[in-house]
């Protein structure tokens, strides 16, 4: 597949992902009448459903990363070149920012507003390491079972991680950056973004190394059994 098509798929997919995350957060907050648990549940379910649809739609074009941490993992595994990795990350960041602007536009808000939602501290940053480690491990562990398994597993994991992590599982550097530009339910104060991104990248690296230990023999056996 041409690099231009893959980059377009990554940009579009990440844009829709952010539109889902931010837009459903705005809608949930408006309709939940102050019930934060209900708003989080709505936000989580919408994100999981959106991820499933986007992965099924675009995985055949670009692999449906929509996440610099995932692209980094694929680079470490030798599945992306340096040039492709940089292109993927650029497309994801641009797409993520576009997704925030699109969501804001649908709800009559300014395209970008600096978030005041504080998400800082060891527990929050540690949660992002855990969330990203789990996400990348799920992707690498289910890849041998086919696209449907990956899409269902990623969607299910993200819905769960919204609830079992203190940070509500951003697990994505592009998402973290873009959500600094929305002063809504899904936002994060810009000062917290660098720490989130660092934890996410370290989580992806650790998960890639762990997957190599866990799944290497299975990958080799699967390759050997193919004609």
N, C-alpha and C. Protein backbone atom coordinates (compact mmCIF):
# COMPACT_ATOMS: atom_id res chain seq x y z
N UNK A 1 0.84 -1.19 0.00
CA UNK A 1 0.00 0.00 0.00
C UNK A 1 0.89 1.25 0.00
N UNK A 2 0.56 2.23 -0.82
CA UNK A 2 1.34 3.46 -0.90
C UNK A 2 1.39 4.17 0.46
N UNK A 3 2.53 4.79 0.74
CA UNK A 3 2.68 5.49 2.02
C UNK A 3 1.65 6.61 2.14
N UNK A 4 1.36 7.31 1.06
CA UNK A 4 0.40 8.41 1.12
C UNK A 4 -0.97 7.91 1.57
N UNK A 5 -1.39 6.75 1.07
CA UNK A 5 -2.68 6.18 1.47
C UNK A 5 -2.66 5.78 2.94
N UNK A 6 -1.55 5.21 3.37
CA UNK A 6 -1.44 4.79 4.77
C UNK A 6 -1.47 5.99 5.72
N UNK A 7 -0.78 7.05 5.33
CA UNK A 7 -0.77 8.24 6.17
C UNK A 7 -2.15 8.89 6.23
N UNK A 8 -2.84 8.90 5.10
CA UNK A 8 -4.20 9.45 5.09
C UNK A 8 -5.11 8.62 6.00
N UNK A 9 -4.97 7.31 5.94
CA UNK A 9 -5.78 6.44 6.81
C UNK A 9 -5.49 6.71 8.28
N UNK A 10 -4.21 6.90 8.62
CA UNK A 10 -3.86 7.19 10.01
C UNK A 10 -4.42 8.54 10.46
N UNK A 11 -4.35 9.53 9.57
CA UNK A 11 -4.87 10.85 9.92
C UNK A 11 -6.39 10.82 10.10
N UNK A 12 -7.08 10.18 9.17
CA UNK A 12 -8.54 10.10 9.25
C UNK A 12 -8.97 9.29 10.47
N UNK A 13 -8.33 8.15 10.68
CA UNK A 13 -8.70 7.30 11.81
C UNK A 13 -8.48 7.99 13.14
N UNK A 14 -7.35 8.68 13.29
CA UNK A 14 -7.07 9.37 14.54
C UNK A 14 -8.01 10.55 14.74
N UNK A 15 -8.35 11.23 13.64
CA UNK A 15 -9.30 12.34 13.73
C UNK A 15 -10.66 11.84 14.22
N UNK A 16 -11.14 10.74 13.66
CA UNK A 16 -12.42 10.21 14.10
C UNK A 16 -12.35 9.70 15.54
N UNK A 17 -11.21 9.11 15.91
CA UNK A 17 -11.05 8.65 17.29
C UNK A 17 -11.19 9.81 18.26
N UNK A 18 -10.52 10.93 17.99
CA UNK A 18 -10.62 12.09 18.88
C UNK A 18 -12.01 12.70 18.83
N UNK A 19 -12.63 12.70 17.66
CA UNK A 19 -13.99 13.21 17.58
C UNK A 19 -14.93 12.38 18.45
N UNK A 20 -14.72 11.08 18.46
CA UNK A 20 -15.52 10.19 19.31
C UNK A 20 -15.25 10.46 20.78
N UNK A 21 -13.97 10.49 21.15
CA UNK A 21 -13.60 10.68 22.56
C UNK A 21 -14.11 12.02 23.09
N UNK A 22 -13.80 13.09 22.37
CA UNK A 22 -14.17 14.42 22.84
C UNK A 22 -15.67 14.67 22.68
N UNK A 23 -16.21 14.32 21.52
CA UNK A 23 -17.64 14.56 21.28
C UNK A 23 -18.53 13.79 22.23
N UNK A 24 -18.22 12.52 22.47
CA UNK A 24 -19.04 11.73 23.40
C UNK A 24 -18.87 12.24 24.82
N UNK A 25 -17.67 12.77 25.14
CA UNK A 25 -17.47 13.35 26.47
C UNK A 25 -18.34 14.59 26.67
N UNK A 26 -18.41 15.43 25.64
CA UNK A 26 -19.25 16.63 25.73
C UNK A 26 -20.72 16.24 25.86
N UNK A 27 -21.16 15.32 25.01
CA UNK A 27 -22.56 14.89 25.05
C UNK A 27 -22.89 14.23 26.39
N UNK A 28 -21.99 13.38 26.86
CA UNK A 28 -22.23 12.68 28.12
C UNK A 28 -22.33 13.66 29.28
N UNK A 29 -21.43 14.63 29.30
CA UNK A 29 -21.45 15.61 30.39
C UNK A 29 -22.73 16.43 30.38
N UNK A 30 -23.21 16.76 29.19
CA UNK A 30 -24.42 17.57 29.08
C UNK A 30 -25.67 16.79 29.49
N UNK A 31 -25.67 15.50 29.21
CA UNK A 31 -26.88 14.70 29.46
C UNK A 31 -26.89 14.01 30.81
N UNK A 32 -25.73 13.91 31.46
CA UNK A 32 -25.65 13.11 32.69
C UNK A 32 -26.07 13.87 33.94
N UNK A 33 -26.36 15.15 33.81
CA UNK A 33 -26.85 15.97 34.93
C UNK A 33 -25.95 15.89 36.15
N UNK A 34 -24.64 15.95 35.91
CA UNK A 34 -23.70 15.96 37.01
C UNK A 34 -23.28 14.59 37.51
N UNK A 35 -23.84 13.53 36.96
CA UNK A 35 -23.47 12.17 37.35
C UNK A 35 -22.19 11.77 36.61
N UNK A 36 -21.04 11.91 37.27
CA UNK A 36 -19.76 11.69 36.60
C UNK A 36 -19.59 10.23 36.20
N UNK A 37 -20.07 9.32 37.03
CA UNK A 37 -19.95 7.90 36.70
C UNK A 37 -20.71 7.56 35.42
N UNK A 38 -21.90 8.11 35.28
CA UNK A 38 -22.70 7.87 34.08
C UNK A 38 -22.03 8.49 32.86
N UNK A 39 -21.47 9.68 33.03
CA UNK A 39 -20.78 10.34 31.92
C UNK A 39 -19.56 9.53 31.50
N UNK A 40 -18.80 9.02 32.46
CA UNK A 40 -17.62 8.21 32.13
C UNK A 40 -18.02 6.92 31.43
N UNK A 41 -19.11 6.30 31.88
CA UNK A 41 -19.58 5.07 31.24
C UNK A 41 -19.95 5.34 29.78
N UNK A 42 -20.68 6.40 29.54
CA UNK A 42 -21.06 6.74 28.17
C UNK A 42 -19.83 7.03 27.31
N UNK A 43 -18.89 7.78 27.85
CA UNK A 43 -17.66 8.12 27.15
C UNK A 43 -16.86 6.85 26.82
N UNK A 44 -16.76 5.94 27.77
CA UNK A 44 -16.01 4.70 27.57
C UNK A 44 -16.64 3.81 26.51
N UNK A 45 -17.96 3.65 26.58
CA UNK A 45 -18.64 2.77 25.61
C UNK A 45 -18.55 3.35 24.20
N UNK A 46 -18.72 4.66 24.09
CA UNK A 46 -18.62 5.29 22.77
C UNK A 46 -17.22 5.13 22.20
N UNK A 47 -16.20 5.29 23.04
CA UNK A 47 -14.82 5.16 22.58
C UNK A 47 -14.53 3.74 22.13
N UNK A 48 -14.96 2.76 22.91
CA UNK A 48 -14.74 1.36 22.53
C UNK A 48 -15.43 1.01 21.22
N UNK A 49 -16.67 1.45 21.08
CA UNK A 49 -17.41 1.16 19.85
C UNK A 49 -16.77 1.85 18.65
N UNK A 50 -16.35 3.11 18.84
CA UNK A 50 -15.71 3.82 17.75
C UNK A 50 -14.40 3.18 17.34
N UNK A 51 -13.60 2.76 18.32
CA UNK A 51 -12.34 2.10 18.02
C UNK A 51 -12.55 0.83 17.21
N UNK A 52 -13.53 0.04 17.62
CA UNK A 52 -13.80 -1.21 16.90
C UNK A 52 -14.12 -0.91 15.43
N UNK A 53 -15.00 0.04 15.20
CA UNK A 53 -15.39 0.38 13.83
C UNK A 53 -14.21 0.91 13.01
N UNK A 54 -13.41 1.76 13.62
CA UNK A 54 -12.28 2.35 12.91
C UNK A 54 -11.20 1.32 12.59
N UNK A 55 -10.93 0.42 13.53
CA UNK A 55 -9.94 -0.64 13.27
C UNK A 55 -10.41 -1.55 12.14
N UNK A 56 -11.66 -1.95 12.19
CA UNK A 56 -12.18 -2.83 11.15
C UNK A 56 -12.16 -2.14 9.78
N UNK A 57 -12.37 -0.84 9.76
CA UNK A 57 -12.43 -0.09 8.50
C UNK A 57 -11.05 0.15 7.90
N UNK A 58 -10.06 0.50 8.72
CA UNK A 58 -8.79 1.02 8.21
C UNK A 58 -7.58 0.13 8.44
N UNK A 59 -7.74 -0.96 9.16
CA UNK A 59 -6.58 -1.83 9.42
C UNK A 59 -5.97 -2.37 8.14
N UNK A 60 -6.80 -2.64 7.14
CA UNK A 60 -6.30 -3.16 5.88
C UNK A 60 -5.49 -2.15 5.08
N UNK A 61 -5.58 -0.88 5.44
CA UNK A 61 -4.84 0.16 4.73
C UNK A 61 -3.52 0.46 5.45
N UNK A 62 -3.62 0.81 6.74
CA UNK A 62 -2.43 1.30 7.45
C UNK A 62 -2.04 0.46 8.65
N UNK A 63 -2.88 -0.52 9.01
CA UNK A 63 -2.67 -1.24 10.25
C UNK A 63 -3.47 -0.66 11.39
N UNK A 64 -4.09 0.50 11.16
CA UNK A 64 -4.97 1.14 12.15
C UNK A 64 -4.27 1.34 13.49
N UNK A 65 -3.12 2.01 13.46
CA UNK A 65 -2.42 2.31 14.71
C UNK A 65 -3.15 3.41 15.48
N UNK A 66 -3.33 4.58 14.83
CA UNK A 66 -3.96 5.76 15.43
C UNK A 66 -3.27 6.17 16.73
N UNK A 67 -2.00 5.82 16.90
CA UNK A 67 -1.36 5.94 18.21
C UNK A 67 0.16 5.88 18.03
N UNK A 68 0.89 6.94 18.35
CA UNK A 68 2.35 6.90 18.22
C UNK A 68 3.01 5.80 19.04
N UNK A 69 2.41 5.43 20.17
CA UNK A 69 2.98 4.35 20.99
C UNK A 69 2.92 3.02 20.24
N UNK A 70 1.83 2.78 19.53
CA UNK A 70 1.71 1.56 18.73
C UNK A 70 2.68 1.59 17.56
N UNK A 71 2.80 2.73 16.90
CA UNK A 71 3.75 2.86 15.79
C UNK A 71 5.18 2.66 16.27
N UNK A 72 5.51 3.18 17.45
CA UNK A 72 6.84 2.95 18.02
C UNK A 72 7.07 1.46 18.25
N UNK A 73 6.07 0.78 18.77
CA UNK A 73 6.20 -0.66 18.99
C UNK A 73 6.46 -1.40 17.67
N UNK A 74 5.74 -1.02 16.63
CA UNK A 74 5.92 -1.67 15.34
C UNK A 74 7.29 -1.35 14.76
N UNK A 75 7.82 -0.17 15.04
CA UNK A 75 9.18 0.15 14.60
C UNK A 75 10.19 -0.72 15.34
N UNK A 76 10.01 -0.90 16.62
CA UNK A 76 10.91 -1.73 17.40
C UNK A 76 10.87 -3.18 16.95
N UNK A 77 9.74 -3.60 16.43
CA UNK A 77 9.60 -4.97 15.93
C UNK A 77 10.06 -5.11 14.47
N UNK A 78 10.47 -4.01 13.86
CA UNK A 78 10.94 -4.05 12.48
C UNK A 78 9.84 -4.07 11.45
N UNK A 79 8.62 -3.73 11.85
CA UNK A 79 7.49 -3.76 10.93
C UNK A 79 7.24 -2.41 10.25
N UNK A 80 7.92 -1.36 10.71
CA UNK A 80 7.87 -0.04 10.09
C UNK A 80 9.29 0.47 9.94
N UNK A 81 9.55 1.22 8.88
CA UNK A 81 10.84 1.88 8.72
C UNK A 81 10.84 3.17 9.53
N UNK A 82 12.01 3.78 9.66
CA UNK A 82 12.10 5.07 10.36
C UNK A 82 11.25 6.13 9.67
N UNK A 83 11.32 6.16 8.35
CA UNK A 83 10.55 7.15 7.58
C UNK A 83 9.06 6.95 7.78
N UNK A 84 8.61 5.70 7.68
CA UNK A 84 7.19 5.41 7.86
C UNK A 84 6.73 5.75 9.27
N UNK A 85 7.56 5.45 10.26
CA UNK A 85 7.20 5.73 11.65
C UNK A 85 7.01 7.22 11.89
N UNK A 86 7.95 8.02 11.40
CA UNK A 86 7.82 9.47 11.55
C UNK A 86 6.59 9.99 10.81
N UNK A 87 6.33 9.44 9.63
CA UNK A 87 5.15 9.85 8.89
C UNK A 87 3.87 9.48 9.61
N UNK A 88 3.81 8.27 10.17
CA UNK A 88 2.64 7.83 10.93
C UNK A 88 2.39 8.77 12.11
N UNK A 89 3.45 9.07 12.86
CA UNK A 89 3.28 9.90 14.05
C UNK A 89 2.81 11.30 13.67
N UNK A 90 3.37 11.87 12.63
CA UNK A 90 2.94 13.19 12.17
C UNK A 90 1.47 13.17 11.76
N UNK A 91 1.07 12.15 11.02
CA UNK A 91 -0.32 12.03 10.58
C UNK A 91 -1.26 11.86 11.77
N UNK A 92 -0.83 11.10 12.75
CA UNK A 92 -1.66 10.88 13.94
C UNK A 92 -1.85 12.16 14.74
N UNK A 93 -0.79 12.94 14.90
CA UNK A 93 -0.90 14.18 15.66
C UNK A 93 -1.79 15.19 14.93
N UNK A 94 -1.58 15.33 13.63
CA UNK A 94 -2.43 16.24 12.85
C UNK A 94 -3.89 15.78 12.89
N UNK A 95 -4.10 14.49 12.72
CA UNK A 95 -5.46 13.96 12.77
C UNK A 95 -6.10 14.17 14.13
N UNK A 96 -5.33 13.97 15.20
CA UNK A 96 -5.88 14.14 16.55
C UNK A 96 -6.33 15.58 16.79
N UNK A 97 -5.52 16.53 16.38
CA UNK A 97 -5.90 17.93 16.55
C UNK A 97 -7.13 18.27 15.71
N UNK A 98 -7.18 17.72 14.49
CA UNK A 98 -8.35 17.94 13.65
C UNK A 98 -9.60 17.36 14.29
N UNK A 99 -9.45 16.20 14.92
CA UNK A 99 -10.59 15.56 15.57
C UNK A 99 -11.17 16.39 16.70
N UNK A 100 -10.29 17.03 17.47
CA UNK A 100 -10.76 17.92 18.54
C UNK A 100 -11.55 19.09 17.95
N UNK A 101 -10.99 19.70 16.89
CA UNK A 101 -11.68 20.84 16.26
C UNK A 101 -13.03 20.42 15.69
N UNK A 102 -13.08 19.22 15.11
CA UNK A 102 -14.34 18.72 14.55
C UNK A 102 -15.37 18.52 15.65
N UNK A 103 -14.97 17.90 16.75
CA UNK A 103 -15.89 17.68 17.86
C UNK A 103 -16.40 18.99 18.42
N UNK A 104 -15.49 19.94 18.61
CA UNK A 104 -15.90 21.25 19.11
C UNK A 104 -16.88 21.92 18.16
N UNK A 105 -16.60 21.82 16.87
CA UNK A 105 -17.48 22.43 15.88
C UNK A 105 -18.89 21.86 15.93
N UNK A 106 -19.00 20.57 16.16
CA UNK A 106 -20.33 19.94 16.22
C UNK A 106 -21.13 20.39 17.43
N UNK A 107 -20.44 20.89 18.46
CA UNK A 107 -21.13 21.33 19.67
C UNK A 107 -21.03 22.85 19.88
N UNK A 108 -20.76 23.56 18.78
CA UNK A 108 -20.74 25.03 18.81
C UNK A 108 -19.73 25.58 19.83
N UNK A 109 -18.56 24.97 19.88
CA UNK A 109 -17.49 25.44 20.75
C UNK A 109 -16.34 25.97 19.90
N UNK A 110 -15.47 26.82 20.45
CA UNK A 110 -14.29 27.24 19.70
C UNK A 110 -13.45 26.03 19.29
N UNK A 111 -12.72 26.16 18.20
CA UNK A 111 -11.96 25.02 17.67
C UNK A 111 -11.02 24.44 18.72
N UNK A 112 -10.34 25.30 19.47
CA UNK A 112 -9.41 24.84 20.50
C UNK A 112 -9.55 25.70 21.74
N UNK A 113 -9.52 25.05 22.90
CA UNK A 113 -9.50 25.76 24.18
C UNK A 113 -8.56 25.01 25.11
N UNK A 114 -7.70 25.73 25.82
CA UNK A 114 -6.75 25.09 26.73
C UNK A 114 -7.50 24.43 27.88
N UNK A 115 -7.20 23.17 28.12
CA UNK A 115 -7.89 22.43 29.17
C UNK A 115 -7.42 22.88 30.55
N UNK A 116 -8.32 22.88 31.51
CA UNK A 116 -8.01 23.15 32.91
C UNK A 116 -8.19 21.90 33.77
N UNK A 117 -8.38 20.77 33.13
CA UNK A 117 -8.62 19.51 33.84
C UNK A 117 -7.28 18.94 34.30
N UNK A 118 -6.99 19.04 35.58
CA UNK A 118 -5.71 18.60 36.12
C UNK A 118 -5.66 17.08 36.20
N UNK A 119 -4.65 16.50 35.56
CA UNK A 119 -4.40 15.06 35.63
C UNK A 119 -2.89 14.90 35.86
N UNK A 120 -2.48 15.04 37.09
CA UNK A 120 -1.06 15.00 37.41
C UNK A 120 -0.81 14.14 38.64
N UNK A 121 0.45 13.80 38.88
CA UNK A 121 0.81 13.01 40.04
C UNK A 121 1.26 11.62 39.65
N UNK A 122 1.90 10.94 40.60
CA UNK A 122 2.47 9.62 40.35
C UNK A 122 1.40 8.62 39.96
N UNK A 123 0.25 8.67 40.61
CA UNK A 123 -0.79 7.68 40.31
C UNK A 123 -1.32 7.85 38.89
N UNK A 124 -1.48 9.10 38.45
CA UNK A 124 -1.97 9.35 37.09
C UNK A 124 -0.95 8.91 36.05
N UNK A 125 0.31 9.32 36.25
CA UNK A 125 1.35 8.97 35.29
C UNK A 125 1.59 7.46 35.30
N UNK A 126 1.61 6.85 36.46
CA UNK A 126 1.76 5.40 36.54
C UNK A 126 0.62 4.67 35.85
N UNK A 127 -0.58 5.23 35.95
CA UNK A 127 -1.73 4.64 35.27
C UNK A 127 -1.54 4.63 33.76
N UNK A 128 -0.91 5.68 33.24
CA UNK A 128 -0.69 5.73 31.80
C UNK A 128 0.35 4.72 31.34
N UNK A 129 1.34 4.45 32.17
CA UNK A 129 2.29 3.38 31.86
C UNK A 129 1.55 2.05 31.80
N UNK A 130 0.74 1.77 32.81
CA UNK A 130 -0.01 0.52 32.86
C UNK A 130 -0.99 0.40 31.70
N UNK A 131 -1.72 1.48 31.44
CA UNK A 131 -2.72 1.46 30.37
C UNK A 131 -2.08 1.19 29.01
N UNK A 132 -0.96 1.86 28.73
CA UNK A 132 -0.31 1.70 27.43
C UNK A 132 0.37 0.35 27.31
N UNK A 133 1.00 -0.10 28.39
CA UNK A 133 1.60 -1.42 28.40
C UNK A 133 0.54 -2.47 28.06
N UNK A 134 -0.60 -2.39 28.71
CA UNK A 134 -1.66 -3.36 28.46
C UNK A 134 -2.20 -3.29 27.04
N UNK A 135 -2.39 -2.06 26.53
CA UNK A 135 -2.91 -1.91 25.17
C UNK A 135 -1.98 -2.52 24.14
N UNK A 136 -0.70 -2.20 24.22
CA UNK A 136 0.26 -2.72 23.24
C UNK A 136 0.38 -4.24 23.37
N UNK A 137 0.37 -4.74 24.59
CA UNK A 137 0.45 -6.19 24.79
C UNK A 137 -0.77 -6.89 24.21
N UNK A 138 -1.94 -6.31 24.38
CA UNK A 138 -3.17 -6.88 23.80
C UNK A 138 -3.06 -6.92 22.28
N UNK A 139 -2.60 -5.84 21.68
CA UNK A 139 -2.47 -5.80 20.21
C UNK A 139 -1.51 -6.87 19.72
N UNK A 140 -0.34 -6.95 20.34
CA UNK A 140 0.67 -7.91 19.89
C UNK A 140 0.25 -9.35 20.19
N UNK A 141 -0.46 -9.53 21.27
CA UNK A 141 -0.87 -10.88 21.64
C UNK A 141 -2.01 -11.43 20.82
N UNK A 142 -2.87 -10.56 20.32
CA UNK A 142 -4.04 -11.02 19.55
C UNK A 142 -3.82 -10.97 18.05
N UNK A 143 -2.71 -10.37 17.60
CA UNK A 143 -2.49 -10.17 16.16
C UNK A 143 -2.55 -11.48 15.38
N UNK A 144 -2.05 -12.57 15.96
CA UNK A 144 -2.02 -13.84 15.24
C UNK A 144 -3.41 -14.45 15.05
N UNK A 145 -4.40 -13.92 15.77
CA UNK A 145 -5.75 -14.47 15.69
C UNK A 145 -6.62 -13.75 14.67
N UNK A 146 -6.09 -12.73 14.01
CA UNK A 146 -6.83 -12.06 12.95
C UNK A 146 -7.40 -10.71 13.36
N UNK A 147 -7.87 -9.98 12.36
CA UNK A 147 -8.33 -8.61 12.55
C UNK A 147 -9.48 -8.51 13.53
N UNK A 148 -10.47 -9.39 13.43
CA UNK A 148 -11.63 -9.31 14.31
C UNK A 148 -11.21 -9.46 15.77
N UNK A 149 -10.29 -10.37 16.03
CA UNK A 149 -9.82 -10.57 17.40
C UNK A 149 -9.13 -9.33 17.93
N UNK A 150 -8.31 -8.70 17.09
CA UNK A 150 -7.61 -7.48 17.50
C UNK A 150 -8.62 -6.38 17.78
N UNK A 151 -9.55 -6.16 16.87
CA UNK A 151 -10.52 -5.07 17.02
C UNK A 151 -11.37 -5.25 18.27
N UNK A 152 -11.87 -6.44 18.50
CA UNK A 152 -12.69 -6.71 19.67
C UNK A 152 -11.88 -6.57 20.96
N UNK A 153 -10.66 -7.08 20.94
CA UNK A 153 -9.82 -7.04 22.13
C UNK A 153 -9.41 -5.62 22.49
N UNK A 154 -9.02 -4.84 21.49
CA UNK A 154 -8.62 -3.46 21.75
C UNK A 154 -9.81 -2.65 22.26
N UNK A 155 -10.95 -2.80 21.61
CA UNK A 155 -12.14 -2.07 22.05
C UNK A 155 -12.52 -2.45 23.48
N UNK A 156 -12.53 -3.74 23.76
CA UNK A 156 -12.87 -4.20 25.11
C UNK A 156 -11.87 -3.72 26.15
N UNK A 157 -10.59 -3.78 25.81
CA UNK A 157 -9.56 -3.35 26.75
C UNK A 157 -9.70 -1.86 27.07
N UNK A 158 -9.91 -1.03 26.06
CA UNK A 158 -10.02 0.41 26.29
C UNK A 158 -11.23 0.74 27.16
N UNK A 159 -12.36 0.08 26.91
CA UNK A 159 -13.54 0.30 27.76
C UNK A 159 -13.22 -0.05 29.21
N UNK A 160 -12.55 -1.19 29.40
CA UNK A 160 -12.18 -1.60 30.76
C UNK A 160 -11.18 -0.63 31.38
N UNK A 161 -10.20 -0.20 30.59
CA UNK A 161 -9.14 0.65 31.12
C UNK A 161 -9.65 2.04 31.50
N UNK A 162 -10.73 2.50 30.87
CA UNK A 162 -11.35 3.75 31.31
C UNK A 162 -11.70 3.67 32.79
N UNK A 163 -12.03 2.44 33.24
CA UNK A 163 -12.52 2.27 34.60
C UNK A 163 -11.48 1.77 35.59
N UNK A 164 -10.49 1.00 35.14
CA UNK A 164 -9.56 0.46 36.13
C UNK A 164 -8.29 1.30 36.30
N UNK A 165 -8.12 2.36 35.50
CA UNK A 165 -6.96 3.24 35.67
C UNK A 165 -7.42 4.58 36.25
N UNK A 166 -6.55 5.17 37.08
CA UNK A 166 -6.87 6.46 37.69
C UNK A 166 -6.95 7.58 36.66
N UNK A 167 -6.24 7.40 35.54
CA UNK A 167 -6.17 8.44 34.50
C UNK A 167 -7.27 8.32 33.46
N UNK A 168 -8.07 7.30 33.54
CA UNK A 168 -9.09 6.93 32.54
C UNK A 168 -8.47 6.56 31.20
N UNK A 169 -7.21 6.09 31.22
CA UNK A 169 -6.58 5.43 30.08
C UNK A 169 -6.55 6.25 28.80
N UNK A 170 -5.67 7.25 28.75
CA UNK A 170 -5.39 7.91 27.48
C UNK A 170 -4.62 6.95 26.57
N UNK A 171 -3.52 6.40 27.08
CA UNK A 171 -2.74 5.33 26.41
C UNK A 171 -2.32 5.68 24.99
N UNK A 172 -2.10 6.96 24.71
CA UNK A 172 -1.84 7.39 23.34
C UNK A 172 -1.27 8.81 23.35
N UNK A 173 0.00 9.00 22.96
CA UNK A 173 0.59 10.33 22.99
C UNK A 173 -0.15 11.37 22.13
N UNK A 174 -0.63 10.98 20.97
CA UNK A 174 -1.37 11.92 20.12
C UNK A 174 -2.67 12.34 20.78
N UNK A 175 -3.35 11.39 21.40
CA UNK A 175 -4.58 11.68 22.14
C UNK A 175 -4.29 12.62 23.31
N UNK A 176 -3.21 12.35 24.03
CA UNK A 176 -2.85 13.19 25.18
C UNK A 176 -2.61 14.63 24.75
N UNK A 177 -1.84 14.80 23.68
CA UNK A 177 -1.55 16.14 23.18
C UNK A 177 -2.83 16.85 22.75
N UNK A 178 -3.65 16.17 21.97
CA UNK A 178 -4.86 16.81 21.43
C UNK A 178 -5.86 17.15 22.53
N UNK A 179 -5.94 16.31 23.55
CA UNK A 179 -6.92 16.55 24.61
C UNK A 179 -6.51 17.72 25.52
N UNK A 180 -5.28 18.21 25.36
CA UNK A 180 -4.89 19.44 26.06
C UNK A 180 -5.58 20.66 25.46
N UNK A 181 -6.16 20.50 24.27
CA UNK A 181 -6.80 21.61 23.57
C UNK A 181 -8.32 21.55 23.66
N UNK A 182 -8.84 20.82 24.65
CA UNK A 182 -10.29 20.79 24.86
C UNK A 182 -10.58 20.94 26.34
N UNK A 183 -11.21 22.04 26.70
CA UNK A 183 -11.56 22.28 28.10
C UNK A 183 -12.94 21.69 28.38
N UNK A 184 -13.01 20.37 28.17
CA UNK A 184 -14.27 19.65 28.34
C UNK A 184 -14.00 18.41 29.20
N UNK A 185 -14.98 17.54 29.29
CA UNK A 185 -14.89 16.34 30.12
C UNK A 185 -13.65 15.51 29.81
N UNK A 186 -13.23 15.48 28.55
CA UNK A 186 -12.11 14.63 28.12
C UNK A 186 -10.76 15.30 28.21
N UNK A 187 -10.68 16.53 28.67
CA UNK A 187 -9.45 17.30 28.58
C UNK A 187 -8.38 16.92 29.58
N UNK A 188 -7.18 17.46 29.35
CA UNK A 188 -6.05 17.34 30.27
C UNK A 188 -5.28 18.65 30.23
N UNK A 189 -4.96 19.19 31.39
CA UNK A 189 -4.20 20.43 31.46
C UNK A 189 -2.85 20.24 30.78
N UNK A 190 -2.42 21.18 29.94
CA UNK A 190 -1.18 21.00 29.16
C UNK A 190 0.03 20.61 29.99
N UNK A 191 0.12 21.06 31.22
CA UNK A 191 1.29 20.75 32.05
C UNK A 191 1.43 19.27 32.35
N UNK A 192 0.33 18.53 32.23
CA UNK A 192 0.39 17.10 32.49
C UNK A 192 0.75 16.26 31.29
N UNK A 193 0.70 16.85 30.10
CA UNK A 193 0.90 16.09 28.86
C UNK A 193 2.29 15.47 28.74
N UNK A 194 3.39 16.20 28.99
CA UNK A 194 4.71 15.57 28.83
C UNK A 194 4.90 14.32 29.67
N UNK A 195 4.39 14.34 30.89
CA UNK A 195 4.54 13.17 31.75
C UNK A 195 3.70 12.00 31.25
N UNK A 196 2.51 12.29 30.77
CA UNK A 196 1.67 11.24 30.18
C UNK A 196 2.36 10.62 28.98
N UNK A 197 2.89 11.47 28.10
CA UNK A 197 3.53 10.96 26.88
C UNK A 197 4.74 10.11 27.23
N UNK A 198 5.56 10.55 28.18
CA UNK A 198 6.72 9.77 28.58
C UNK A 198 6.31 8.41 29.12
N UNK A 199 5.31 8.39 29.98
CA UNK A 199 4.85 7.12 30.54
C UNK A 199 4.29 6.20 29.45
N UNK A 200 3.60 6.78 28.49
CA UNK A 200 3.02 5.98 27.40
C UNK A 200 4.10 5.36 26.53
N UNK A 201 5.12 6.13 26.20
CA UNK A 201 6.20 5.60 25.36
C UNK A 201 6.98 4.51 26.10
N UNK A 202 7.23 4.72 27.39
CA UNK A 202 7.92 3.70 28.17
C UNK A 202 7.06 2.45 28.29
N UNK A 203 5.76 2.62 28.44
CA UNK A 203 4.85 1.48 28.50
C UNK A 203 4.87 0.68 27.21
N UNK A 204 4.90 1.39 26.08
CA UNK A 204 4.94 0.70 24.78
C UNK A 204 6.24 -0.07 24.61
N UNK A 205 7.36 0.53 25.00
CA UNK A 205 8.66 -0.16 24.89
C UNK A 205 8.68 -1.40 25.77
N UNK A 206 8.20 -1.26 27.01
CA UNK A 206 8.18 -2.40 27.93
C UNK A 206 7.27 -3.52 27.42
N UNK A 207 6.12 -3.16 26.87
CA UNK A 207 5.19 -4.16 26.35
C UNK A 207 5.76 -4.88 25.13
N UNK A 208 6.48 -4.15 24.29
CA UNK A 208 7.09 -4.76 23.11
C UNK A 208 8.13 -5.79 23.52
N UNK A 209 8.94 -5.44 24.52
CA UNK A 209 9.95 -6.38 25.02
C UNK A 209 9.29 -7.60 25.67
N UNK A 210 8.22 -7.36 26.41
CA UNK A 210 7.51 -8.46 27.08
C UNK A 210 6.86 -9.39 26.07
N UNK A 211 6.27 -8.80 25.04
CA UNK A 211 5.64 -9.61 24.00
C UNK A 211 6.64 -10.50 23.29
N UNK A 212 7.86 -9.99 23.12
CA UNK A 212 8.91 -10.79 22.48
C UNK A 212 9.20 -12.04 23.31
N UNK A 213 9.16 -11.90 24.61
CA UNK A 213 9.39 -13.05 25.49
C UNK A 213 8.19 -13.99 25.53
N UNK A 214 7.00 -13.43 25.54
CA UNK A 214 5.79 -14.24 25.69
C UNK A 214 5.38 -14.96 24.41
N UNK A 215 5.50 -14.27 23.28
CA UNK A 215 4.88 -14.77 22.05
C UNK A 215 5.86 -15.20 20.98
N UNK A 216 7.15 -15.12 21.23
CA UNK A 216 8.13 -15.41 20.18
C UNK A 216 8.00 -16.84 19.67
N UNK A 217 7.91 -17.80 20.58
CA UNK A 217 7.79 -19.20 20.16
C UNK A 217 6.50 -19.44 19.38
N UNK A 218 5.42 -18.84 19.81
CA UNK A 218 4.14 -19.01 19.12
C UNK A 218 4.19 -18.41 17.72
N UNK A 219 4.83 -17.24 17.60
CA UNK A 219 4.97 -16.62 16.28
C UNK A 219 5.80 -17.50 15.36
N UNK A 220 6.87 -18.08 15.90
CA UNK A 220 7.73 -18.93 15.08
C UNK A 220 6.99 -20.19 14.65
N UNK A 221 6.22 -20.77 15.55
CA UNK A 221 5.47 -21.97 15.22
C UNK A 221 4.40 -21.69 14.17
N UNK A 222 3.76 -20.52 14.30
CA UNK A 222 2.73 -20.15 13.31
C UNK A 222 3.33 -19.97 11.94
N UNK A 223 4.52 -19.36 11.88
CA UNK A 223 5.18 -19.15 10.60
C UNK A 223 5.61 -20.48 10.00
N UNK A 224 6.09 -21.38 10.84
CA UNK A 224 6.56 -22.68 10.36
C UNK A 224 5.43 -23.54 9.83
N UNK A 225 4.23 -23.35 10.37
CA UNK A 225 3.10 -24.17 9.93
C UNK A 225 2.47 -23.70 8.64
N UNK A 226 2.85 -22.49 8.19
CA UNK A 226 2.28 -21.96 6.95
C UNK A 226 2.99 -22.59 5.76
N UNK A 227 2.25 -22.95 4.69
CA UNK A 227 2.87 -23.56 3.49
C UNK A 227 3.77 -22.57 2.77
